[in-house]
Amino acid sequence: MPHHLDINMKGLAMAQRFFSRTGFCLWIGATIGVICVLPFVNALFPEALQEAAKQNGLPAFALIAMSIGQSALLLGLMTFSGLWAARKLGLGAPVLDAWLGGDPLSYDVRRSALIAFTLGLASGFLLIALDFLVFLPLDPNGLGQIVQTKQPSAWVGFLASFSGGISEEVQLRLFFMSFLALGIRYVRDFLFPTRSSPLTPAVFWSANIIAAVLFGLRHLPVTAELVGLTPLLIVRAIVLNGILGVLAGFLFWRRGIEMAMVCHFAADLVLHVLPPLVGY
């Protein structure tokens, strides 16, 4: 085979590995998640879209379309590069890989999904308990305003749960945590070149905790729109969201990004669907 053809074939093979069918499935799911969260955001901030449309001189539907398009492009970058980084660490999306490739999995998917879903439900109830039993007594005014904020309807919260379960997991776990772990591993290998394990517990937990803290901090802009931020509210965001983030990261490590998504989705069902159903 001519040398230039060999190079082209290698380049094509590398591109196929990078732009895999698994990546496309995750990208589509994450983009759908972005669309699903729009009614939730509109319910919380009903005037924000019209104000933004006026400021930009565009119809509301055009602004929404542009926002979805920008998010889709960014999520595409995060999905494919994040999956590449995850596989460098021995992580990834084993359920999708097996399903698309027609290969058997090394573990029981249904059992793992049930465990992940149960852990997500339990974490959701734990976060509500911590909010009411710990943080609310410490800040009955500021946090009280958040607690008293009317939740969007159950079906809106249900749709938003797909955004948390898919889109946020792609961004925070598959992309950020994977690249963070790669960076930490690079530093480790530079300082301790005799170590060869792709992902030691120390590397994983360092990346997982940092990603969980970021997961908590990224919720602060929404909190700031509802009430003025205080040190306690910042700590609350880190602790409550961090618990779920650490758990999702652990499932990503042990069973793949799909189980992290199941866990996150189940927790969001408790946080966003249950309250309006019980009249809160």
C-alpha atoms as a PDB file:
ATOM      1  CA  MET A   1       0.000   0.000   0.000  1.00  0.00           C
ATOM      2  CA  PRO A   2       1.414   3.445  -0.879  1.00  0.00           C
ATOM      3  CA  HIS A   3       2.656   5.398   2.116  1.00  0.00           C
ATOM      4  CA  HIS A   4       0.193   8.279   1.695  1.00  0.00           C
ATOM      5  CA  LEU A   5      -2.725   5.837   1.485  1.00  0.00           C
ATOM      6  CA  ASP A   6      -1.553   4.130   4.656  1.00  0.00           C
ATOM      7  CA  ILE A   7      -1.474   7.494   6.442  1.00  0.00           C
ATOM      8  CA  ASN A   8      -4.948   8.335   5.166  1.00  0.00           C
ATOM      9  CA  MET A   9      -6.321   4.980   6.344  1.00  0.00           C
ATOM     10  CA  LYS A  10      -4.799   5.470   9.779  1.00  0.00           C
ATOM     11  CA  GLY A  11      -6.259   8.959   9.956  1.00  0.00           C
ATOM     12  CA  LEU A  12      -9.669   7.629   8.949  1.00  0.00           C
ATOM     13  CA  ALA A  13      -9.475   4.900  11.593  1.00  0.00           C
ATOM     14  CA  MET A  14      -8.565   7.454  14.258  1.00  0.00           C
ATOM     15  CA  ALA A  15     -11.460   9.691  13.215  1.00  0.00           C
ATOM     16  CA  GLN A  16     -13.851   6.739  13.360  1.00  0.00           C
ATOM     17  CA  ARG A  17     -12.677   5.917  16.872  1.00  0.00           C
ATOM     18  CA  PHE A  18     -13.102   9.552  17.937  1.00  0.00           C
ATOM     19  CA  PHE A  19     -16.478  10.097  16.233  1.00  0.00           C
ATOM     20  CA  SER A  20     -17.921   6.802  17.411  1.00  0.00           C
ATOM     21  CA  ARG A  21     -21.541   5.710  17.337  1.00  0.00           C
ATOM     22  CA  THR A  22     -21.505   5.749  21.128  1.00  0.00           C
ATOM     23  CA  GLY A  23     -20.431   9.368  21.053  1.00  0.00           C
ATOM     24  CA  PHE A  24     -23.204  10.283  18.636  1.00  0.00           C
ATOM     25  CA  CYS A  25     -25.806   8.632  20.873  1.00  0.00           C
ATOM     26  CA  LEU A  26     -24.541  10.510  23.910  1.00  0.00           C
ATOM     27  CA  TRP A  27     -24.426  13.766  21.950  1.00  0.00           C
ATOM     28  CA  ILE A  28     -28.001  13.384  20.749  1.00  0.00           C
ATOM     29  CA  GLY A  29     -29.158  12.540  24.261  1.00  0.00           C
ATOM     30  CA  ALA A  30     -27.365  15.531  25.770  1.00  0.00           C
ATOM     31  CA  THR A  31     -28.847  17.870  23.148  1.00  0.00           C
ATOM     32  CA  ILE A  32     -32.338  16.527  23.819  1.00  0.00           C
ATOM     33  CA  GLY A  33     -31.687  17.188  27.495  1.00  0.00           C
ATOM     34  CA  VAL A  34     -30.954  20.837  26.741  1.00  0.00           C
ATOM     35  CA  ILE A  35     -34.270  21.120  24.910  1.00  0.00           C
ATOM     36  CA  CYS A  36     -36.127  19.390  27.751  1.00  0.00           C
ATOM     37  CA  VAL A  37     -34.905  21.883  30.371  1.00  0.00           C
ATOM     38  CA  LEU A  38     -36.242  24.935  28.504  1.00  0.00           C
ATOM     39  CA  PRO A  39     -39.807  24.733  29.936  1.00  0.00           C
ATOM     40  CA  PHE A  40     -38.328  24.471  33.443  1.00  0.00           C
ATOM     41  CA  VAL A  41     -36.171  27.559  32.993  1.00  0.00           C
ATOM     42  CA  ASN A  42     -39.080  29.457  31.464  1.00  0.00           C
ATOM     43  CA  ALA A  43     -41.302  28.487  34.406  1.00  0.00           C
ATOM     44  CA  LEU A  44     -38.761  29.780  36.916  1.00  0.00           C
ATOM     45  CA  PHE A  45     -37.977  32.966  34.997  1.00  0.00           C
ATOM     46  CA  PRO A  46     -41.006  33.657  32.779  1.00  0.00           C
ATOM     47  CA  GLU A  47     -39.904  37.145  31.709  1.00  0.00           C
ATOM     48  CA  ALA A  48     -36.259  36.345  30.974  1.00  0.00           C
ATOM     49  CA  LEU A  49     -36.817  35.084  27.421  1.00  0.00           C
ATOM     50  CA  GLN A  50     -38.857  38.101  26.313  1.00  0.00           C
ATOM     51  CA  GLU A  51     -36.338  40.506  27.853  1.00  0.00           C
ATOM     52  CA  ALA A  52     -33.446  38.742  26.124  1.00  0.00           C
ATOM     53  CA  ALA A  53     -35.339  38.804  22.819  1.00  0.00           C
ATOM     54  CA  LYS A  54     -35.903  42.553  23.121  1.00  0.00           C
ATOM     55  CA  GLN A  55     -32.283  43.215  24.000  1.00  0.00           C
ATOM     56  CA  ASN A  56     -31.047  41.244  20.995  1.00  0.00           C
ATOM     57  CA  GLY A  57     -33.747  42.431  18.620  1.00  0.00           C
ATOM     58  CA  LEU A  58     -34.751  38.890  17.725  1.00  0.00           C
ATOM     59  CA  PRO A  59     -37.973  36.893  17.954  1.00  0.00           C
ATOM     60  CA  ALA A  60     -38.128  34.573  20.943  1.00  0.00           C
ATOM     61  CA  PHE A  61     -38.187  31.419  18.798  1.00  0.00           C
ATOM     62  CA  ALA A  62     -35.037  32.554  16.944  1.00  0.00           C
ATOM     63  CA  LEU A  63     -33.244  33.152  20.238  1.00  0.00           C
ATOM     64  CA  ILE A  64     -34.260  29.696  21.453  1.00  0.00           C
ATOM     65  CA  ALA A  65     -33.073  28.089  18.215  1.00  0.00           C
ATOM     66  CA  MET A  66     -29.721  29.876  18.438  1.00  0.00           C
ATOM     67  CA  SER A  67     -29.312  28.836  22.060  1.00  0.00           C
ATOM     68  CA  ILE A  68     -30.053  25.202  21.242  1.00  0.00           C
ATOM     69  CA  GLY A  69     -27.654  25.297  18.300  1.00  0.00           C
ATOM     70  CA  GLN A  70     -24.826  26.767  20.379  1.00  0.00           C
ATOM     71  CA  SER A  71     -25.442  24.251  23.141  1.00  0.00           C
ATOM     72  CA  ALA A  72     -25.467  21.392  20.639  1.00  0.00           C
ATOM     73  CA  LEU A  73     -22.101  22.439  19.209  1.00  0.00           C
ATOM     74  CA  LEU A  74     -20.550  22.765  22.645  1.00  0.00           C
ATOM     75  CA  LEU A  75     -22.017  19.466  23.783  1.00  0.00           C
ATOM     76  CA  GLY A  76     -20.670  17.785  20.656  1.00  0.00           C
ATOM     77  CA  LEU A  77     -17.167  18.950  21.514  1.00  0.00           C
ATOM     78  CA  MET A  78     -17.585  17.867  25.129  1.00  0.00           C
ATOM     79  CA  THR A  79     -19.084  14.486  24.247  1.00  0.00           C
ATOM     80  CA  PHE A  80     -16.541  13.256  21.731  1.00  0.00           C
ATOM     81  CA  SER A  81     -13.478  14.666  23.455  1.00  0.00           C
ATOM     82  CA  GLY A  82     -14.765  13.589  26.866  1.00  0.00           C
ATOM     83  CA  LEU A  83     -15.350  10.044  25.635  1.00  0.00           C
ATOM     84  CA  TRP A  84     -11.842  10.013  24.192  1.00  0.00           C
ATOM     85  CA  ALA A  85     -10.394  11.153  27.525  1.00  0.00           C
ATOM     86  CA  ALA A  86     -12.519   8.688  29.494  1.00  0.00           C
ATOM     87  CA  ARG A  87     -11.307   5.769  27.396  1.00  0.00           C
ATOM     88  CA  LYS A  88      -7.729   6.799  28.068  1.00  0.00           C
ATOM     89  CA  LEU A  89      -8.552   6.115  31.717  1.00  0.00           C
ATOM     90  CA  GLY A  90     -10.376   2.855  31.152  1.00  0.00           C
ATOM     91  CA  LEU A  91     -13.747   4.579  31.601  1.00  0.00           C
ATOM     92  CA  GLY A  92     -16.526   5.289  29.134  1.00  0.00           C
ATOM     93  CA  ALA A  93     -20.004   4.134  28.170  1.00  0.00           C
ATOM     94  CA  PRO A  94     -19.898   0.315  28.357  1.00  0.00           C
ATOM     95  CA  VAL A  95     -23.652  -0.195  28.012  1.00  0.00           C
ATOM     96  CA  LEU A  96     -23.872   1.771  24.772  1.00  0.00           C
ATOM     97  CA  ASP A  97     -20.650   0.218  23.484  1.00  0.00           C
ATOM     98  CA  ALA A  98     -22.011  -3.277  24.073  1.00  0.00           C
ATOM     99  CA  TRP A  99     -25.451  -2.496  22.659  1.00  0.00           C
ATOM    100  CA  LEU A 100     -24.149  -0.852  19.502  1.00  0.00           C
ATOM    101  CA  GLY A 101     -21.440  -3.453  19.000  1.00  0.00           C
ATOM    102  CA  GLY A 102     -23.591  -6.465  19.799  1.00  0.00           C
ATOM    103  CA  ASP A 103     -21.196  -7.545  22.549  1.00  0.00           C
ATOM    104  CA  PRO A 104     -22.017  -8.931  26.009  1.00  0.00           C
ATOM    105  CA  LEU A 105     -21.460  -6.832  29.116  1.00  0.00           C
ATOM    106  CA  SER A 106     -19.342  -7.972  32.027  1.00  0.00           C
ATOM    107  CA  TYR A 107     -22.095  -7.141  34.534  1.00  0.00           C
ATOM    108  CA  ASP A 108     -25.878  -7.317  34.903  1.00  0.00           C
ATOM    109  CA  VAL A 109     -27.200  -4.071  33.368  1.00  0.00           C
ATOM    110  CA  ARG A 110     -30.668  -4.317  34.896  1.00  0.00           C
ATOM    111  CA  ARG A 111     -29.351  -4.932  38.383  1.00  0.00           C
ATOM    112  CA  SER A 112     -26.813  -2.115  38.091  1.00  0.00           C
ATOM    113  CA  ALA A 113     -29.459   0.269  36.729  1.00  0.00           C
ATOM    114  CA  LEU A 114     -31.818  -0.622  39.584  1.00  0.00           C
ATOM    115  CA  ILE A 115     -29.074   0.009  42.137  1.00  0.00           C
ATOM    116  CA  ALA A 116     -28.139   3.313  40.483  1.00  0.00           C
ATOM    117  CA  PHE A 117     -31.784   4.388  40.350  1.00  0.00           C
ATOM    118  CA  THR A 118     -32.324   3.481  44.006  1.00  0.00           C
ATOM    119  CA  LEU A 119     -29.188   5.332  45.064  1.00  0.00           C
ATOM    120  CA  GLY A 120     -30.392   8.356  43.105  1.00  0.00           C
ATOM    121  CA  LEU A 121     -33.784   8.318  44.828  1.00  0.00           C
ATOM    122  CA  ALA A 122     -32.133   7.942  48.220  1.00  0.00           C
ATOM    123  CA  SER A 123     -29.738  10.809  47.550  1.00  0.00           C
ATOM    124  CA  GLY A 124     -32.636  13.015  46.452  1.00  0.00           C
ATOM    125  CA  PHE A 125     -34.468  12.411  49.723  1.00  0.00           C
ATOM    126  CA  LEU A 126     -31.221  12.953  51.638  1.00  0.00           C
ATOM    127  CA  LEU A 127     -30.690  16.345  49.987  1.00  0.00           C
ATOM    128  CA  ILE A 128     -34.243  17.427  50.879  1.00  0.00           C
ATOM    129  CA  ALA A 129     -33.726  16.290  54.469  1.00  0.00           C
ATOM    130  CA  LEU A 130     -30.440  18.180  54.772  1.00  0.00           C
ATOM    131  CA  ASP A 131     -32.039  21.275  53.300  1.00  0.00           C
ATOM    132  CA  PHE A 132     -34.913  21.339  55.786  1.00  0.00           C
ATOM    133  CA  LEU A 133     -33.169  19.957  58.865  1.00  0.00           C
ATOM    134  CA  VAL A 134     -29.748  21.608  58.586  1.00  0.00           C
ATOM    135  CA  PHE A 135     -29.582  24.564  56.220  1.00  0.00           C
ATOM    136  CA  LEU A 136     -33.051  26.054  56.590  1.00  0.00           C
ATOM    137  CA  PRO A 137     -32.734  26.513  60.402  1.00  0.00           C
ATOM    138  CA  LEU A 138     -29.386  28.246  59.837  1.00  0.00           C
ATOM    139  CA  ASP A 139     -30.793  30.697  57.294  1.00  0.00           C
ATOM    140  CA  PRO A 140     -34.603  30.904  57.577  1.00  0.00           C
ATOM    141  CA  ASN A 141     -34.746  34.167  55.602  1.00  0.00           C
ATOM    142  CA  GLY A 142     -32.482  33.738  52.581  1.00  0.00           C
ATOM    143  CA  LEU A 143     -32.988  30.028  52.185  1.00  0.00           C
ATOM    144  CA  GLY A 144     -36.611  30.446  53.168  1.00  0.00           C
ATOM    145  CA  GLN A 145     -37.170  32.475  49.998  1.00  0.00           C
ATOM    146  CA  ILE A 146     -35.817  29.608  47.914  1.00  0.00           C
ATOM    147  CA  VAL A 147     -37.895  27.040  49.764  1.00  0.00           C
ATOM    148  CA  GLN A 148     -41.023  29.140  49.283  1.00  0.00           C
ATOM    149  CA  THR A 149     -40.394  29.571  45.545  1.00  0.00           C
ATOM    150  CA  LYS A 150     -43.162  27.779  43.690  1.00  0.00           C
ATOM    151  CA  GLN A 151     -41.873  24.736  41.845  1.00  0.00           C
ATOM    152  CA  PRO A 152     -42.733  24.259  38.165  1.00  0.00           C
ATOM    153  CA  SER A 153     -45.340  21.598  37.458  1.00  0.00           C
ATOM    154  CA  ALA A 154     -44.464  17.920  37.727  1.00  0.00           C
ATOM    155  CA  TRP A 155     -44.294  17.310  33.969  1.00  0.00           C
ATOM    156  CA  VAL A 156     -41.939  20.271  33.564  1.00  0.00           C
ATOM    157  CA  GLY A 157     -39.752  18.905  36.353  1.00  0.00           C
ATOM    158  CA  PHE A 158     -39.844  15.481  34.707  1.00  0.00           C
ATOM    159  CA  LEU A 159     -38.556  16.913  31.442  1.00  0.00           C
ATOM    160  CA  ALA A 160     -35.862  18.872  33.271  1.00  0.00           C
ATOM    161  CA  SER A 161     -34.665  15.651  34.909  1.00  0.00           C
ATOM    162  CA  PHE A 162     -33.420  14.479  31.507  1.00  0.00           C
ATOM    163  CA  SER A 163     -31.195  17.532  31.325  1.00  0.00           C
ATOM    164  CA  GLY A 164     -29.672  16.776  34.703  1.00  0.00           C
ATOM    165  CA  GLY A 165     -29.358  13.091  34.021  1.00  0.00           C
ATOM    166  CA  ILE A 166     -27.883  13.301  30.526  1.00  0.00           C
ATOM    167  CA  SER A 167     -26.604  16.782  29.656  1.00  0.00           C
ATOM    168  CA  GLU A 168     -25.014  17.567  33.021  1.00  0.00           C
ATOM    169  CA  GLU A 169     -23.411  14.145  33.272  1.00  0.00           C
ATOM    170  CA  VAL A 170     -21.861  14.568  29.827  1.00  0.00           C
ATOM    171  CA  GLN A 171     -20.499  17.967  30.816  1.00  0.00           C
ATOM    172  CA  LEU A 172     -19.429  17.314  34.408  1.00  0.00           C
ATOM    173  CA  ARG A 173     -18.462  13.654  34.477  1.00  0.00           C
ATOM    174  CA  LEU A 174     -17.684  12.498  30.945  1.00  0.00           C
ATOM    175  CA  PHE A 175     -15.918  15.699  29.912  1.00  0.00           C
ATOM    176  CA  PHE A 176     -14.643  17.680  32.882  1.00  0.00           C
ATOM    177  CA  MET A 177     -13.919  14.853  35.300  1.00  0.00           C
ATOM    178  CA  SER A 178     -12.234  12.720  32.626  1.00  0.00           C
ATOM    179  CA  PHE A 179      -9.906  15.496  31.487  1.00  0.00           C
ATOM    180  CA  LEU A 180      -9.247  16.493  35.077  1.00  0.00           C
ATOM    181  CA  ALA A 181      -8.292  12.907  35.927  1.00  0.00           C
ATOM    182  CA  LEU A 182      -6.043  12.786  32.850  1.00  0.00           C
ATOM    183  CA  GLY A 183      -4.306  15.960  34.002  1.00  0.00           C
ATOM    184  CA  ILE A 184      -3.849  14.657  37.539  1.00  0.00           C
ATOM    185  CA  ARG A 185      -2.531  11.370  36.171  1.00  0.00           C
ATOM    186  CA  TYR A 186      -0.067  13.235  33.957  1.00  0.00           C
ATOM    187  CA  VAL A 187       1.275  15.119  36.968  1.00  0.00           C
ATOM    188  CA  ARG A 188       1.436  11.885  38.959  1.00  0.00           C
ATOM    189  CA  ASP A 189       3.350  10.096  36.202  1.00  0.00           C
ATOM    190  CA  PHE A 190       5.725  13.047  35.886  1.00  0.00           C
ATOM    191  CA  LEU A 191       6.466  13.006  39.621  1.00  0.00           C
ATOM    192  CA  PHE A 192       6.319   9.234  40.069  1.00  0.00           C
ATOM    193  CA  PRO A 193       7.195   7.675  36.687  1.00  0.00           C
ATOM    194  CA  THR A 194       7.268   4.117  38.048  1.00  0.00           C
ATOM    195  CA  ARG A 195       3.489   4.081  38.515  1.00  0.00           C
ATOM    196  CA  SER A 196       1.603   2.762  35.512  1.00  0.00           C
ATOM    197  CA  SER A 197      -2.036   2.233  36.557  1.00  0.00           C
ATOM    198  CA  PRO A 198      -4.327   4.258  34.267  1.00  0.00           C
ATOM    199  CA  LEU A 199      -6.646   5.364  37.063  1.00  0.00           C
ATOM    200  CA  THR A 200      -5.661   4.830  40.678  1.00  0.00           C
ATOM    201  CA  PRO A 201      -8.136   5.535  43.499  1.00  0.00           C
ATOM    202  CA  ALA A 202      -6.149   8.637  44.454  1.00  0.00           C
ATOM    203  CA  VAL A 203      -6.403  10.058  40.940  1.00  0.00           C
ATOM    204  CA  PHE A 204     -10.085   9.196  40.675  1.00  0.00           C
ATOM    205  CA  TRP A 205     -11.151  10.629  44.030  1.00  0.00           C
ATOM    206  CA  SER A 206      -9.174  13.822  43.474  1.00  0.00           C
ATOM    207  CA  ALA A 207     -10.898  14.388  40.133  1.00  0.00           C
ATOM    208  CA  ASN A 208     -14.289  13.245  41.434  1.00  0.00           C
ATOM    209  CA  ILE A 209     -14.316  15.617  44.403  1.00  0.00           C
ATOM    210  CA  ILE A 210     -13.160  18.592  42.340  1.00  0.00           C
ATOM    211  CA  ALA A 211     -15.816  17.854  39.695  1.00  0.00           C
ATOM    212  CA  ALA A 212     -18.468  17.527  42.421  1.00  0.00           C
ATOM    213  CA  VAL A 213     -17.520  20.925  43.859  1.00  0.00           C
ATOM    214  CA  LEU A 214     -17.782  22.466  40.390  1.00  0.00           C
ATOM    215  CA  PHE A 215     -21.158  20.749  39.995  1.00  0.00           C
ATOM    216  CA  GLY A 216     -22.316  22.554  43.114  1.00  0.00           C
ATOM    217  CA  LEU A 217     -20.912  25.920  42.079  1.00  0.00           C
ATOM    218  CA  ARG A 218     -22.547  25.821  38.640  1.00  0.00           C
ATOM    219  CA  HIS A 219     -25.961  25.930  40.346  1.00  0.00           C
ATOM    220  CA  LEU A 220     -25.197  29.239  42.058  1.00  0.00           C
ATOM    221  CA  PRO A 221     -26.301  31.504  39.152  1.00  0.00           C
ATOM    222  CA  VAL A 222     -29.848  30.135  39.432  1.00  0.00           C
ATOM    223  CA  THR A 223     -29.769  30.638  43.206  1.00  0.00           C
ATOM    224  CA  ALA A 224     -28.494  34.176  42.724  1.00  0.00           C
ATOM    225  CA  GLU A 225     -31.483  34.944  40.489  1.00  0.00           C
ATOM    226  CA  LEU A 226     -33.845  33.887  43.276  1.00  0.00           C
ATOM    227  CA  VAL A 227     -32.104  35.376  46.312  1.00  0.00           C
ATOM    228  CA  GLY A 228     -28.878  37.166  47.180  1.00  0.00           C
ATOM    229  CA  LEU A 229     -25.950  34.811  47.688  1.00  0.00           C
ATOM    230  CA  THR A 230     -24.491  34.348  51.168  1.00  0.00           C
ATOM    231  CA  PRO A 231     -21.556  32.197  52.338  1.00  0.00           C
ATOM    232  CA  LEU A 232     -24.050  29.696  53.765  1.00  0.00           C
ATOM    233  CA  LEU A 233     -25.905  29.393  50.451  1.00  0.00           C
ATOM    234  CA  ILE A 234     -22.603  28.791  48.669  1.00  0.00           C
ATOM    235  CA  VAL A 235     -21.704  26.066  51.171  1.00  0.00           C
ATOM    236  CA  ARG A 236     -25.195  24.606  50.762  1.00  0.00           C
ATOM    237  CA  ALA A 237     -24.833  24.439  46.972  1.00  0.00           C
ATOM    238  CA  ILE A 238     -21.465  22.699  47.251  1.00  0.00           C
ATOM    239  CA  VAL A 239     -22.586  20.214  49.914  1.00  0.00           C
ATOM    240  CA  LEU A 240     -25.979  19.256  48.497  1.00  0.00           C
ATOM    241  CA  ASN A 241     -24.969  19.062  44.858  1.00  0.00           C
ATOM    242  CA  GLY A 242     -21.577  17.679  45.811  1.00  0.00           C
ATOM    243  CA  ILE A 243     -23.134  14.628  47.463  1.00  0.00           C
ATOM    244  CA  LEU A 244     -24.945  13.729  44.267  1.00  0.00           C
ATOM    245  CA  GLY A 245     -21.885  14.598  42.182  1.00  0.00           C
ATOM    246  CA  VAL A 246     -19.571  12.311  44.159  1.00  0.00           C
ATOM    247  CA  LEU A 247     -22.082   9.461  43.952  1.00  0.00           C
ATOM    248  CA  ALA A 248     -22.550   9.900  40.200  1.00  0.00           C
ATOM    249  CA  GLY A 249     -18.786  10.047  39.736  1.00  0.00           C
ATOM    250  CA  PHE A 250     -18.349   6.818  41.659  1.00  0.00           C
ATOM    251  CA  LEU A 251     -20.908   5.062  39.450  1.00  0.00           C
ATOM    252  CA  PHE A 252     -19.169   6.450  36.368  1.00  0.00           C
ATOM    253  CA  TRP A 253     -15.943   4.905  37.625  1.00  0.00           C
ATOM    254  CA  ARG A 254     -17.440   1.521  38.459  1.00  0.00           C
ATOM    255  CA  ARG A 255     -20.212   1.010  35.897  1.00  0.00           C
ATOM    256  CA  GLY A 256     -19.891   3.674  33.214  1.00  0.00           C
ATOM    257  CA  ILE A 257     -21.460   7.023  32.421  1.00  0.00           C
ATOM    258  CA  GLU A 258     -24.879   5.428  31.821  1.00  0.00           C
ATOM    259  CA  MET A 259     -25.259   4.443  35.485  1.00  0.00           C
ATOM    260  CA  ALA A 260     -24.222   7.934  36.573  1.00  0.00           C
ATOM    261  CA  MET A 261     -26.981   9.255  34.319  1.00  0.00           C
ATOM    262  CA  VAL A 262     -29.568   6.895  35.826  1.00  0.00           C
ATOM    263  CA  CYS A 263     -28.595   7.963  39.344  1.00  0.00           C
ATOM    264  CA  HIS A 264     -28.719  11.677  38.534  1.00  0.00           C
ATOM    265  CA  PHE A 265     -32.043  11.316  36.730  1.00  0.00           C
ATOM    266  CA  ALA A 266     -33.600   9.505  39.705  1.00  0.00           C
ATOM    267  CA  ALA A 267     -32.382  12.170  42.144  1.00  0.00           C
ATOM    268  CA  ASP A 268     -33.862  14.912  39.977  1.00  0.00           C
ATOM    269  CA  LEU A 269     -37.201  13.095  39.949  1.00  0.00           C
ATOM    270  CA  VAL A 270     -37.284  13.465  43.738  1.00  0.00           C
ATOM    271  CA  LEU A 271     -36.125  17.076  43.640  1.00  0.00           C
ATOM    272  CA  HIS A 272     -38.211  18.369  40.712  1.00  0.00           C
ATOM    273  CA  VAL A 273     -41.177  16.020  40.262  1.00  0.00           C
ATOM    274  CA  LEU A 274     -42.140  14.949  43.780  1.00  0.00           C
ATOM    275  CA  PRO A 275     -42.582  18.459  45.331  1.00  0.00           C
ATOM    276  CA  PRO A 276     -45.310  19.650  42.916  1.00  0.00           C
ATOM    277  CA  LEU A 277     -47.004  16.252  43.114  1.00  0.00           C
ATOM    278  CA  VAL A 278     -47.376  16.565  46.893  1.00  0.00           C
ATOM    279  CA  GLY A 279     -48.545  20.167  46.601  1.00  0.00           C
ATOM    280  CA  TYR A 280     -45.302  21.871  47.572  1.00  0.00           C
END
